[in-house]
Amino acid sequence: MSRMIDPRRPCKPSLQQLQRLRQDAANQALRERKQDLCTQVRTKFNFIYRADGQPIYNDYQKVKRDIDCVLKEKARALKAQIQAEYDAAAPMEDMLAQLAANETVLSPVQPPPAPVEYTFEYAHALPVPSSIRRRPPNMMGT
């Protein structure tokens, strides 16, 4: 099976990994700068949207974009790193699983779980009212 279409291959970083990216030192410095600009705008204009067109508002928007760009760039790099690690380790794990005849590791698609059967204690004891009984369909349309 191609590694590019392997359903076990990670397709994105986990939430914990993304949280670590958000707590990175470079990102924290940008967040502090954004918070300082936000405080300055709110003291002068009371609301951020009222500062639209002012130089401080443009700086605030640029810092917001920078934060987004840094996060996306680091997330893309982390995704590439995770996939490269998987691509390097997966063939060896598959070979070891074949040698051990471990079918659960080899199967890219997990087997469906066993169906769950629900039992209703009182379903057979309830009488069906005559108004609910089904009538045969009228074939003539009258």
C-alpha atoms as a PDB file:
ATOM      1  CA  MET A   1       0.000   0.000   0.000  1.00  0.00           C
ATOM      2  CA  SER A   2       1.260   3.452  -0.783  1.00  0.00           C
ATOM      3  CA  ARG A   3       2.278   5.478   2.251  1.00  0.00           C
ATOM      4  CA  MET A   4       0.441   8.484   0.824  1.00  0.00           C
ATOM      5  CA  ILE A   5      -2.947   6.747   0.972  1.00  0.00           C
ATOM      6  CA  ASP A   6      -2.360   4.772   4.168  1.00  0.00           C
ATOM      7  CA  PRO A   7      -5.348   5.518   6.438  1.00  0.00           C
ATOM      8  CA  ARG A   8      -3.137   5.083   9.509  1.00  0.00           C
ATOM      9  CA  ARG A   9      -0.831   7.893   8.361  1.00  0.00           C
ATOM     10  CA  PRO A  10      -1.275  11.007  10.546  1.00  0.00           C
ATOM     11  CA  CYS A  11      -2.938  13.820   8.633  1.00  0.00           C
ATOM     12  CA  LYS A  12      -2.603  16.625  11.181  1.00  0.00           C
ATOM     13  CA  PRO A  13      -0.968  17.380  14.531  1.00  0.00           C
ATOM     14  CA  SER A  14      -2.827  16.518  17.707  1.00  0.00           C
ATOM     15  CA  LEU A  15      -4.498  19.174  19.850  1.00  0.00           C
ATOM     16  CA  GLN A  16      -1.740  18.900  22.474  1.00  0.00           C
ATOM     17  CA  GLN A  17       0.915  19.547  19.846  1.00  0.00           C
ATOM     18  CA  LEU A  18      -0.991  22.583  18.559  1.00  0.00           C
ATOM     19  CA  GLN A  19      -1.303  23.913  22.110  1.00  0.00           C
ATOM     20  CA  ARG A  20       2.478  23.659  22.493  1.00  0.00           C
ATOM     21  CA  LEU A  21       2.856  25.681  19.287  1.00  0.00           C
ATOM     22  CA  ARG A  22       0.615  28.403  20.712  1.00  0.00           C
ATOM     23  CA  GLN A  23       2.785  28.579  23.838  1.00  0.00           C
ATOM     24  CA  ASP A  24       5.995  29.033  21.850  1.00  0.00           C
ATOM     25  CA  ALA A  25       8.203  31.986  22.860  1.00  0.00           C
ATOM     26  CA  ALA A  26       8.002  33.755  19.481  1.00  0.00           C
ATOM     27  CA  ASN A  27       4.229  33.436  19.454  1.00  0.00           C
ATOM     28  CA  GLN A  28       3.986  34.692  23.047  1.00  0.00           C
ATOM     29  CA  ALA A  29       5.983  37.815  22.162  1.00  0.00           C
ATOM     30  CA  LEU A  30       3.567  38.550  19.307  1.00  0.00           C
ATOM     31  CA  ARG A  31       0.600  37.980  21.599  1.00  0.00           C
ATOM     32  CA  GLU A  32       1.993  40.393  24.170  1.00  0.00           C
ATOM     33  CA  ARG A  33       2.512  42.995  21.427  1.00  0.00           C
ATOM     34  CA  LYS A  34      -1.080  42.454  20.273  1.00  0.00           C
ATOM     35  CA  GLN A  35      -2.343  42.832  23.831  1.00  0.00           C
ATOM     36  CA  ASP A  36      -0.394  46.099  24.276  1.00  0.00           C
ATOM     37  CA  LEU A  37      -1.828  47.497  21.043  1.00  0.00           C
ATOM     38  CA  CYS A  38      -5.309  46.364  22.045  1.00  0.00           C
ATOM     39  CA  THR A  39      -5.007  48.181  25.374  1.00  0.00           C
ATOM     40  CA  GLN A  40      -3.795  51.356  23.664  1.00  0.00           C
ATOM     41  CA  VAL A  41      -6.635  51.261  21.138  1.00  0.00           C
ATOM     42  CA  ARG A  42      -9.272  50.643  23.801  1.00  0.00           C
ATOM     43  CA  THR A  43      -8.046  53.485  26.017  1.00  0.00           C
ATOM     44  CA  LYS A  44      -8.074  55.913  23.117  1.00  0.00           C
ATOM     45  CA  PHE A  45     -11.122  54.745  21.103  1.00  0.00           C
ATOM     46  CA  ASN A  46     -13.040  52.503  23.608  1.00  0.00           C
ATOM     47  CA  PHE A  47     -13.634  49.900  20.875  1.00  0.00           C
ATOM     48  CA  ILE A  48     -11.183  48.420  18.399  1.00  0.00           C
ATOM     49  CA  TYR A  49     -13.426  48.869  15.351  1.00  0.00           C
ATOM     50  CA  ARG A  50     -13.617  52.621  15.987  1.00  0.00           C
ATOM     51  CA  ALA A  51      -9.881  52.941  15.347  1.00  0.00           C
ATOM     52  CA  ASP A  52     -10.300  51.727  11.760  1.00  0.00           C
ATOM     53  CA  GLY A  53      -8.080  53.777   9.439  1.00  0.00           C
ATOM     54  CA  GLN A  54      -5.696  54.881  12.197  1.00  0.00           C
ATOM     55  CA  PRO A  55      -2.026  53.779  12.147  1.00  0.00           C
ATOM     56  CA  ILE A  56      -2.372  51.980  15.480  1.00  0.00           C
ATOM     57  CA  TYR A  57      -5.289  49.946  14.104  1.00  0.00           C
ATOM     58  CA  ASN A  58      -3.204  48.943  11.080  1.00  0.00           C
ATOM     59  CA  ASP A  59      -0.394  47.848  13.416  1.00  0.00           C
ATOM     60  CA  TYR A  60      -2.890  45.833  15.465  1.00  0.00           C
ATOM     61  CA  GLN A  61      -4.216  44.074  12.352  1.00  0.00           C
ATOM     62  CA  LYS A  62      -0.677  43.346  11.134  1.00  0.00           C
ATOM     63  CA  VAL A  63       0.259  41.734  14.456  1.00  0.00           C
ATOM     64  CA  LYS A  64      -2.914  39.600  14.295  1.00  0.00           C
ATOM     65  CA  ARG A  65      -1.957  38.423  10.791  1.00  0.00           C
ATOM     66  CA  ASP A  66       1.601  37.734  11.940  1.00  0.00           C
ATOM     67  CA  ILE A  67       0.335  35.541  14.774  1.00  0.00           C
ATOM     68  CA  ASP A  68      -1.821  33.556  12.344  1.00  0.00           C
ATOM     69  CA  CYS A  69       1.023  33.209   9.839  1.00  0.00           C
ATOM     70  CA  VAL A  70       3.480  32.007  12.485  1.00  0.00           C
ATOM     71  CA  LEU A  71       1.004  29.438  13.807  1.00  0.00           C
ATOM     72  CA  LYS A  72       0.153  28.111  10.346  1.00  0.00           C
ATOM     73  CA  GLU A  73       3.801  27.935   9.315  1.00  0.00           C
ATOM     74  CA  LYS A  74       4.792  26.020  12.445  1.00  0.00           C
ATOM     75  CA  ALA A  75       1.766  23.721  12.144  1.00  0.00           C
ATOM     76  CA  ARG A  76       2.719  22.874   8.538  1.00  0.00           C
ATOM     77  CA  ALA A  77       6.298  22.157   9.594  1.00  0.00           C
ATOM     78  CA  LEU A  78       5.100  19.988  12.494  1.00  0.00           C
ATOM     79  CA  LYS A  79       2.741  18.063  10.191  1.00  0.00           C
ATOM     80  CA  ALA A  80       5.572  17.407   7.734  1.00  0.00           C
ATOM     81  CA  GLN A  81       7.810  16.230  10.586  1.00  0.00           C
ATOM     82  CA  ILE A  82       5.146  13.883  12.000  1.00  0.00           C
ATOM     83  CA  GLN A  83       4.437  12.389   8.568  1.00  0.00           C
ATOM     84  CA  ALA A  84       8.146  11.954   7.842  1.00  0.00           C
ATOM     85  CA  GLU A  85       8.607  10.114  11.146  1.00  0.00           C
ATOM     86  CA  TYR A  86       5.623   7.882  10.358  1.00  0.00           C
ATOM     87  CA  ASP A  87       6.888   7.196   6.825  1.00  0.00           C
ATOM     88  CA  ALA A  88      10.253   6.166   8.247  1.00  0.00           C
ATOM     89  CA  ALA A  89       8.849   3.911  10.990  1.00  0.00           C
ATOM     90  CA  ALA A  90       5.742   2.363   9.384  1.00  0.00           C
ATOM     91  CA  PRO A  91       7.451  -0.074   6.956  1.00  0.00           C
ATOM     92  CA  MET A  92       9.488  -1.622   9.757  1.00  0.00           C
ATOM     93  CA  GLU A  93       6.422  -1.906  12.007  1.00  0.00           C
ATOM     94  CA  ASP A  94       4.476  -3.561   9.187  1.00  0.00           C
ATOM     95  CA  MET A  95       7.251  -6.071   8.547  1.00  0.00           C
ATOM     96  CA  LEU A  96       7.502  -6.929  12.238  1.00  0.00           C
ATOM     97  CA  ALA A  97       3.727  -7.332  12.415  1.00  0.00           C
ATOM     98  CA  GLN A  98       3.778  -9.667   9.410  1.00  0.00           C
ATOM     99  CA  LEU A  99       6.486 -11.756  11.036  1.00  0.00           C
ATOM    100  CA  ALA A 100       4.489 -11.896  14.257  1.00  0.00           C
ATOM    101  CA  ALA A 101       1.229 -12.516  12.311  1.00  0.00           C
ATOM    102  CA  ASN A 102      -0.480  -9.719  14.203  1.00  0.00           C
ATOM    103  CA  GLU A 103      -3.554  -8.963  12.106  1.00  0.00           C
ATOM    104  CA  THR A 104      -4.826  -6.047  14.199  1.00  0.00           C
ATOM    105  CA  VAL A 105      -1.692  -4.036  13.466  1.00  0.00           C
ATOM    106  CA  LEU A 106      -1.717  -4.932   9.773  1.00  0.00           C
ATOM    107  CA  SER A 107      -5.321  -4.060   9.081  1.00  0.00           C
ATOM    108  CA  PRO A 108      -5.576  -0.440   7.846  1.00  0.00           C
ATOM    109  CA  VAL A 109      -9.327  -0.551   8.405  1.00  0.00           C
ATOM    110  CA  GLN A 110     -10.501  -1.549  11.841  1.00  0.00           C
ATOM    111  CA  PRO A 111     -13.186  -4.245  11.994  1.00  0.00           C
ATOM    112  CA  PRO A 112     -16.670  -2.998  12.784  1.00  0.00           C
ATOM    113  CA  PRO A 113     -17.704  -3.369  16.413  1.00  0.00           C
ATOM    114  CA  ALA A 114     -20.146  -6.088  17.382  1.00  0.00           C
ATOM    115  CA  PRO A 115     -23.764  -4.980  17.106  1.00  0.00           C
ATOM    116  CA  VAL A 116     -25.381  -3.927  20.348  1.00  0.00           C
ATOM    117  CA  GLU A 117     -28.723  -5.507  21.111  1.00  0.00           C
ATOM    118  CA  TYR A 118     -31.127  -3.684  23.355  1.00  0.00           C
ATOM    119  CA  THR A 119     -33.796  -5.532  25.264  1.00  0.00           C
ATOM    120  CA  PHE A 120     -37.072  -3.954  26.197  1.00  0.00           C
ATOM    121  CA  GLU A 121     -38.773  -5.597  29.127  1.00  0.00           C
ATOM    122  CA  TYR A 122     -42.285  -4.286  28.557  1.00  0.00           C
ATOM    123  CA  ALA A 123     -42.489  -4.232  24.755  1.00  0.00           C
ATOM    124  CA  HIS A 124     -44.344  -7.554  24.508  1.00  0.00           C
ATOM    125  CA  ALA A 125     -46.765  -6.757  27.353  1.00  0.00           C
ATOM    126  CA  LEU A 126     -48.245  -3.589  25.850  1.00  0.00           C
ATOM    127  CA  PRO A 127     -51.435  -4.027  23.786  1.00  0.00           C
ATOM    128  CA  VAL A 128     -51.635  -2.248  20.438  1.00  0.00           C
ATOM    129  CA  PRO A 129     -54.713   0.028  20.216  1.00  0.00           C
ATOM    130  CA  SER A 130     -57.060  -0.679  17.307  1.00  0.00           C
ATOM    131  CA  SER A 131     -56.761   2.909  16.035  1.00  0.00           C
ATOM    132  CA  ILE A 132     -53.050   2.393  15.382  1.00  0.00           C
ATOM    133  CA  ARG A 133     -53.388  -0.875  13.479  1.00  0.00           C
ATOM    134  CA  ARG A 134     -52.410  -0.573   9.877  1.00  0.00           C
ATOM    135  CA  ARG A 135     -55.029  -0.552   7.184  1.00  0.00           C
ATOM    136  CA  PRO A 136     -54.349  -2.072   3.766  1.00  0.00           C
ATOM    137  CA  PRO A 137     -53.549   0.553   1.099  1.00  0.00           C
ATOM    138  CA  ASN A 138     -56.382   1.648  -1.168  1.00  0.00           C
ATOM    139  CA  MET A 139     -55.435   0.595  -4.669  1.00  0.00           C
ATOM    140  CA  MET A 140     -58.233   2.369  -6.544  1.00  0.00           C
ATOM    141  CA  GLY A 141     -57.415   5.872  -5.322  1.00  0.00           C
ATOM    142  CA  THR A 142     -60.913   6.471  -3.924  1.00  0.00           C
END
